[in-house]
Amino acid sequence: QVQLVESGGGLVQAGGSLRLSCAASGSIFSINDMGWYRQAPGTQRELVARITSGGNTNYADSVKGRFTISRDNAKNTVYLQMNSLKPEDTAVYYCNADILTRFRGTDYWGQGTQVTVSS
């Protein structure tokens, strides 16, 4: 079975940085798009950043210039480098991956990691 395991969340002061990691494991043929989403209390889950298997990226306007998504295909891992963090970045961050297995392509989700930015 495919699993996504996230790490790197925590508490940071405004202006600080965090790096999130998400590693996929299991019966994987290939991984297409990977991305990071976040959900703050009382809000809908929103796309933060996305990266294709070829390295093309897109970002939410609110994080452009501050966050960088990257991936290591050899490790089946996606990263999110978050700089210049703001209190409004506080949320649970979820890793997402479109993974091809033997039978189908499926969106998988990580367990979520809390990012809290203090003012």
N, C-alpha and C. Protein backbone atom coordinates (compact mmCIF):
# COMPACT_ATOMS: atom_id res chain seq x y z
N GLN A 1 0.83 -1.18 0.00
CA GLN A 1 0.00 0.00 0.00
C GLN A 1 0.88 1.25 0.00
N VAL A 2 0.42 2.27 -0.67
CA VAL A 2 1.14 3.52 -0.75
C VAL A 2 0.88 4.35 0.48
N GLN A 3 1.93 4.96 0.99
CA GLN A 3 1.81 5.87 2.11
C GLN A 3 2.63 7.12 1.83
N LEU A 4 2.15 8.25 2.33
CA LEU A 4 2.88 9.50 2.31
C LEU A 4 3.13 9.90 3.76
N VAL A 5 4.38 10.11 4.10
CA VAL A 5 4.75 10.47 5.45
C VAL A 5 5.37 11.85 5.45
N GLU A 6 4.78 12.76 6.22
CA GLU A 6 5.21 14.14 6.27
C GLU A 6 6.04 14.40 7.52
N SER A 7 6.90 15.39 7.41
CA SER A 7 7.68 15.84 8.55
C SER A 7 8.08 17.29 8.34
N GLY A 8 8.50 17.95 9.41
CA GLY A 8 9.07 19.28 9.31
C GLY A 8 8.24 20.40 9.87
N GLY A 9 7.01 20.13 10.27
CA GLY A 9 6.20 21.18 10.83
C GLY A 9 6.68 21.59 12.21
N GLY A 10 6.11 22.67 12.71
CA GLY A 10 6.48 23.14 14.03
C GLY A 10 6.05 24.57 14.26
N LEU A 11 6.59 25.13 15.32
CA LEU A 11 6.30 26.50 15.73
C LEU A 11 7.47 27.39 15.37
N VAL A 12 7.18 28.50 14.73
CA VAL A 12 8.21 29.42 14.31
C VAL A 12 7.71 30.85 14.45
N GLN A 13 8.61 31.77 14.71
CA GLN A 13 8.25 33.17 14.78
C GLN A 13 8.07 33.75 13.39
N ALA A 14 7.26 34.79 13.31
CA ALA A 14 7.08 35.49 12.04
C ALA A 14 8.42 35.90 11.47
N GLY A 15 8.57 35.68 10.17
CA GLY A 15 9.82 35.95 9.50
C GLY A 15 10.76 34.77 9.43
N GLY A 16 10.45 33.72 10.15
CA GLY A 16 11.29 32.55 10.17
C GLY A 16 11.01 31.61 9.02
N SER A 17 11.66 30.46 9.07
CA SER A 17 11.58 29.49 7.98
C SER A 17 11.34 28.09 8.52
N LEU A 18 10.70 27.28 7.70
CA LEU A 18 10.53 25.86 7.95
C LEU A 18 10.65 25.13 6.62
N ARG A 19 11.04 23.89 6.70
CA ARG A 19 11.10 23.04 5.52
C ARG A 19 10.30 21.78 5.78
N LEU A 20 9.28 21.56 4.97
CA LEU A 20 8.46 20.37 5.05
C LEU A 20 8.95 19.33 4.07
N SER A 21 8.85 18.08 4.47
CA SER A 21 9.20 16.96 3.61
C SER A 21 8.06 15.96 3.58
N CYS A 22 7.92 15.28 2.46
CA CYS A 22 6.90 14.25 2.31
C CYS A 22 7.47 13.15 1.44
N ALA A 23 7.56 11.96 1.99
CA ALA A 23 8.13 10.82 1.28
C ALA A 23 7.06 9.79 1.00
N ALA A 24 6.98 9.36 -0.24
CA ALA A 24 6.05 8.32 -0.64
C ALA A 24 6.75 6.97 -0.65
N SER A 25 6.03 5.96 -0.23
CA SER A 25 6.57 4.60 -0.25
C SER A 25 5.46 3.63 -0.57
N GLY A 26 5.85 2.44 -1.00
CA GLY A 26 4.88 1.41 -1.33
C GLY A 26 5.04 0.92 -2.75
N SER A 27 3.97 0.33 -3.27
CA SER A 27 3.98 -0.25 -4.61
C SER A 27 3.72 0.83 -5.64
N ILE A 28 4.76 1.53 -6.02
CA ILE A 28 4.67 2.70 -6.87
C ILE A 28 5.29 2.41 -8.22
N PHE A 29 4.53 2.65 -9.27
CA PHE A 29 5.08 2.63 -10.62
C PHE A 29 5.73 3.96 -10.94
N SER A 30 5.00 5.03 -10.71
CA SER A 30 5.51 6.36 -10.96
C SER A 30 4.66 7.36 -10.20
N ILE A 31 5.19 8.55 -10.04
CA ILE A 31 4.48 9.63 -9.39
C ILE A 31 4.38 10.79 -10.36
N ASN A 32 3.18 11.23 -10.60
CA ASN A 32 2.97 12.38 -11.46
C ASN A 32 3.08 13.66 -10.63
N ASP A 33 2.01 14.43 -10.58
CA ASP A 33 2.07 15.67 -9.81
C ASP A 33 2.15 15.40 -8.32
N MET A 34 2.86 16.27 -7.63
CA MET A 34 2.89 16.29 -6.18
C MET A 34 2.60 17.72 -5.73
N GLY A 35 2.07 17.85 -4.56
CA GLY A 35 1.74 19.18 -4.11
C GLY A 35 1.58 19.28 -2.61
N TRP A 36 1.46 20.52 -2.18
CA TRP A 36 1.19 20.84 -0.79
C TRP A 36 -0.09 21.65 -0.70
N TYR A 37 -0.93 21.28 0.22
CA TYR A 37 -2.16 21.99 0.53
C TYR A 37 -2.14 22.36 2.00
N ARG A 38 -2.97 23.32 2.35
CA ARG A 38 -3.07 23.68 3.75
C ARG A 38 -4.50 24.00 4.11
N GLN A 39 -4.80 23.86 5.38
CA GLN A 39 -6.13 24.16 5.87
C GLN A 39 -6.00 24.80 7.25
N ALA A 40 -6.44 26.03 7.34
CA ALA A 40 -6.48 26.74 8.60
C ALA A 40 -7.85 26.54 9.24
N PRO A 41 -7.94 26.73 10.55
CA PRO A 41 -9.24 26.57 11.21
C PRO A 41 -10.31 27.44 10.58
N GLY A 42 -11.45 26.85 10.30
CA GLY A 42 -12.56 27.58 9.74
C GLY A 42 -12.45 27.90 8.26
N THR A 43 -11.47 27.34 7.57
CA THR A 43 -11.28 27.60 6.16
C THR A 43 -11.30 26.30 5.37
N GLN A 44 -11.45 26.44 4.06
CA GLN A 44 -11.35 25.30 3.17
C GLN A 44 -9.89 24.98 2.88
N ARG A 45 -9.64 23.74 2.57
CA ARG A 45 -8.30 23.36 2.17
C ARG A 45 -7.95 24.05 0.85
N GLU A 46 -6.76 24.59 0.78
CA GLU A 46 -6.34 25.32 -0.41
C GLU A 46 -5.00 24.82 -0.91
N LEU A 47 -4.82 24.93 -2.21
CA LEU A 47 -3.55 24.58 -2.82
C LEU A 47 -2.50 25.61 -2.47
N VAL A 48 -1.36 25.16 -2.02
CA VAL A 48 -0.22 26.02 -1.73
C VAL A 48 0.77 26.00 -2.87
N ALA A 49 1.17 24.82 -3.29
CA ALA A 49 2.15 24.68 -4.35
C ALA A 49 2.01 23.32 -5.00
N ARG A 50 2.42 23.25 -6.24
CA ARG A 50 2.30 22.02 -7.01
C ARG A 50 3.53 21.87 -7.89
N ILE A 51 3.94 20.63 -8.11
CA ILE A 51 5.09 20.38 -8.96
C ILE A 51 4.83 19.11 -9.77
N THR A 52 5.13 19.17 -11.06
CA THR A 52 4.95 18.01 -11.92
C THR A 52 6.17 17.11 -11.85
N SER A 53 6.04 15.95 -12.48
CA SER A 53 7.16 15.02 -12.51
C SER A 53 8.37 15.61 -13.23
N GLY A 54 8.13 16.54 -14.15
CA GLY A 54 9.20 17.19 -14.86
C GLY A 54 9.76 18.43 -14.20
N GLY A 55 9.17 18.82 -13.07
CA GLY A 55 9.70 19.95 -12.32
C GLY A 55 8.99 21.27 -12.53
N ASN A 56 7.93 21.29 -13.32
CA ASN A 56 7.16 22.52 -13.48
C ASN A 56 6.38 22.80 -12.21
N THR A 57 6.32 24.06 -11.81
CA THR A 57 5.72 24.42 -10.54
C THR A 57 4.66 25.50 -10.71
N ASN A 58 3.76 25.55 -9.75
CA ASN A 58 2.86 26.68 -9.61
C ASN A 58 2.57 26.88 -8.13
N TYR A 59 2.23 28.12 -7.79
CA TYR A 59 2.06 28.51 -6.40
C TYR A 59 0.80 29.34 -6.23
N ALA A 60 0.25 29.26 -5.05
CA ALA A 60 -0.78 30.20 -4.68
C ALA A 60 -0.18 31.60 -4.63
N ASP A 61 -0.97 32.58 -5.02
CA ASP A 61 -0.47 33.95 -5.02
C ASP A 61 0.03 34.38 -3.64
N SER A 62 -0.59 33.88 -2.61
CA SER A 62 -0.24 34.30 -1.26
C SER A 62 1.14 33.84 -0.82
N VAL A 63 1.73 32.87 -1.50
CA VAL A 63 3.03 32.34 -1.09
C VAL A 63 4.12 32.56 -2.13
N LYS A 64 3.78 33.10 -3.27
CA LYS A 64 4.79 33.32 -4.30
C LYS A 64 5.90 34.22 -3.79
N GLY A 65 7.12 33.83 -4.07
CA GLY A 65 8.27 34.58 -3.62
C GLY A 65 8.74 34.22 -2.24
N ARG A 66 7.95 33.45 -1.50
CA ARG A 66 8.32 33.06 -0.15
C ARG A 66 8.51 31.55 -0.01
N PHE A 67 7.70 30.79 -0.71
CA PHE A 67 7.75 29.33 -0.63
C PHE A 67 8.35 28.76 -1.91
N THR A 68 9.04 27.64 -1.77
CA THR A 68 9.60 26.94 -2.92
C THR A 68 9.30 25.45 -2.79
N ILE A 69 8.68 24.89 -3.81
CA ILE A 69 8.42 23.46 -3.84
C ILE A 69 9.48 22.79 -4.70
N SER A 70 9.92 21.63 -4.29
CA SER A 70 10.90 20.87 -5.05
C SER A 70 10.65 19.39 -4.82
N ARG A 71 11.30 18.56 -5.61
CA ARG A 71 11.13 17.12 -5.44
C ARG A 71 12.41 16.40 -5.79
N ASP A 72 12.56 15.25 -5.19
CA ASP A 72 13.65 14.34 -5.48
C ASP A 72 13.01 13.05 -5.96
N ASN A 73 13.00 12.86 -7.27
CA ASN A 73 12.30 11.71 -7.83
C ASN A 73 12.93 10.39 -7.41
N ALA A 74 14.24 10.38 -7.22
CA ALA A 74 14.90 9.15 -6.79
C ALA A 74 14.45 8.72 -5.40
N LYS A 75 14.06 9.68 -4.58
CA LYS A 75 13.61 9.40 -3.22
C LYS A 75 12.09 9.43 -3.07
N ASN A 76 11.38 9.70 -4.17
CA ASN A 76 9.92 9.84 -4.11
C ASN A 76 9.49 10.83 -3.03
N THR A 77 10.19 11.94 -2.98
CA THR A 77 10.00 12.91 -1.92
C THR A 77 9.76 14.29 -2.50
N VAL A 78 8.84 15.01 -1.88
CA VAL A 78 8.57 16.39 -2.23
C VAL A 78 8.84 17.26 -1.01
N TYR A 79 9.33 18.46 -1.24
CA TYR A 79 9.69 19.38 -0.18
C TYR A 79 8.95 20.70 -0.37
N LEU A 80 8.79 21.40 0.72
CA LEU A 80 8.29 22.76 0.69
C LEU A 80 9.15 23.61 1.60
N GLN A 81 9.96 24.46 1.01
CA GLN A 81 10.76 25.41 1.77
C GLN A 81 9.93 26.66 1.98
N MET A 82 9.70 27.02 3.22
CA MET A 82 8.86 28.15 3.56
C MET A 82 9.70 29.20 4.26
N ASN A 83 9.85 30.33 3.63
CA ASN A 83 10.61 31.45 4.17
C ASN A 83 9.69 32.63 4.44
N SER A 84 10.18 33.56 5.21
CA SER A 84 9.43 34.78 5.53
C SER A 84 8.01 34.45 5.98
N LEU A 85 7.92 33.51 6.88
CA LEU A 85 6.61 33.04 7.31
C LEU A 85 5.82 34.13 8.02
N LYS A 86 4.53 34.09 7.80
CA LYS A 86 3.60 35.05 8.38
C LYS A 86 2.59 34.31 9.25
N PRO A 87 1.99 35.00 10.21
CA PRO A 87 0.97 34.34 11.02
C PRO A 87 -0.16 33.74 10.19
N GLU A 88 -0.50 34.35 9.07
CA GLU A 88 -1.56 33.82 8.23
C GLU A 88 -1.18 32.54 7.51
N ASP A 89 0.09 32.13 7.59
CA ASP A 89 0.50 30.84 7.06
C ASP A 89 0.18 29.70 8.02
N THR A 90 -0.25 30.02 9.21
CA THR A 90 -0.57 28.99 10.19
C THR A 90 -1.68 28.09 9.68
N ALA A 91 -1.42 26.80 9.65
CA ALA A 91 -2.38 25.84 9.12
C ALA A 91 -1.81 24.44 9.29
N VAL A 92 -2.64 23.46 9.02
CA VAL A 92 -2.17 22.10 8.84
C VAL A 92 -1.82 21.93 7.37
N TYR A 93 -0.63 21.49 7.10
CA TYR A 93 -0.15 21.32 5.74
C TYR A 93 -0.19 19.85 5.36
N TYR A 94 -0.77 19.58 4.20
CA TYR A 94 -0.96 18.22 3.72
C TYR A 94 -0.20 18.00 2.41
N CYS A 95 0.50 16.93 2.35
CA CYS A 95 1.15 16.50 1.13
C CYS A 95 0.16 15.73 0.27
N ASN A 96 0.25 15.92 -1.03
CA ASN A 96 -0.59 15.21 -1.98
C ASN A 96 0.26 14.69 -3.12
N ALA A 97 -0.07 13.50 -3.61
CA ALA A 97 0.66 12.94 -4.74
C ALA A 97 -0.27 12.12 -5.61
N ASP A 98 -0.15 12.31 -6.91
CA ASP A 98 -0.87 11.51 -7.89
C ASP A 98 0.05 10.35 -8.26
N ILE A 99 -0.29 9.17 -7.79
CA ILE A 99 0.61 8.03 -7.87
C ILE A 99 -0.01 6.94 -8.73
N LEU A 100 0.78 6.44 -9.67
CA LEU A 100 0.39 5.30 -10.49
C LEU A 100 0.86 4.02 -9.82
N THR A 101 -0.08 3.14 -9.55
CA THR A 101 0.23 1.81 -9.04
C THR A 101 -0.05 0.79 -10.13
N ARG A 102 -0.02 -0.46 -9.77
CA ARG A 102 -0.24 -1.52 -10.76
C ARG A 102 -1.64 -1.45 -11.36
N PHE A 103 -2.61 -0.97 -10.61
CA PHE A 103 -4.00 -1.04 -11.03
C PHE A 103 -4.61 0.30 -11.44
N ARG A 104 -4.11 1.39 -10.90
CA ARG A 104 -4.75 2.66 -11.18
C ARG A 104 -3.88 3.83 -10.73
N GLY A 105 -4.25 5.01 -11.19
CA GLY A 105 -3.69 6.23 -10.68
C GLY A 105 -4.60 6.79 -9.61
N THR A 106 -4.03 7.19 -8.50
CA THR A 106 -4.80 7.60 -7.34
C THR A 106 -4.13 8.78 -6.65
N ASP A 107 -4.94 9.70 -6.17
CA ASP A 107 -4.44 10.76 -5.31
C ASP A 107 -4.29 10.24 -3.88
N TYR A 108 -3.10 10.42 -3.34
CA TYR A 108 -2.83 10.04 -1.96
C TYR A 108 -2.52 11.28 -1.14
N TRP A 109 -2.81 11.20 0.14
CA TRP A 109 -2.62 12.31 1.05
C TRP A 109 -1.77 11.91 2.24
N GLY A 110 -0.92 12.82 2.66
CA GLY A 110 -0.20 12.64 3.89
C GLY A 110 -1.08 12.89 5.09
N GLN A 111 -0.52 12.65 6.26
CA GLN A 111 -1.30 12.74 7.49
C GLN A 111 -1.49 14.18 7.96
N GLY A 112 -0.77 15.10 7.40
CA GLY A 112 -0.83 16.49 7.81
C GLY A 112 0.22 16.82 8.86
N THR A 113 0.77 18.01 8.77
CA THR A 113 1.72 18.48 9.76
C THR A 113 1.38 19.93 10.10
N GLN A 114 1.39 20.23 11.38
CA GLN A 114 0.99 21.55 11.85
C GLN A 114 2.13 22.55 11.69
N VAL A 115 1.81 23.68 11.10
CA VAL A 115 2.72 24.82 11.04
C VAL A 115 2.06 25.97 11.77
N THR A 116 2.73 26.48 12.77
CA THR A 116 2.21 27.59 13.54
C THR A 116 3.22 28.72 13.53
N VAL A 117 2.79 29.89 13.11
CA VAL A 117 3.65 31.06 13.01
C VAL A 117 3.15 32.09 14.01
N SER A 118 3.99 32.43 14.95
CA SER A 118 3.62 33.39 15.98
C SER A 118 3.99 34.80 15.56
N SER A 119 3.21 35.77 15.99
CA SER A 119 3.45 37.16 15.66
C SER A 119 4.29 37.85 16.71
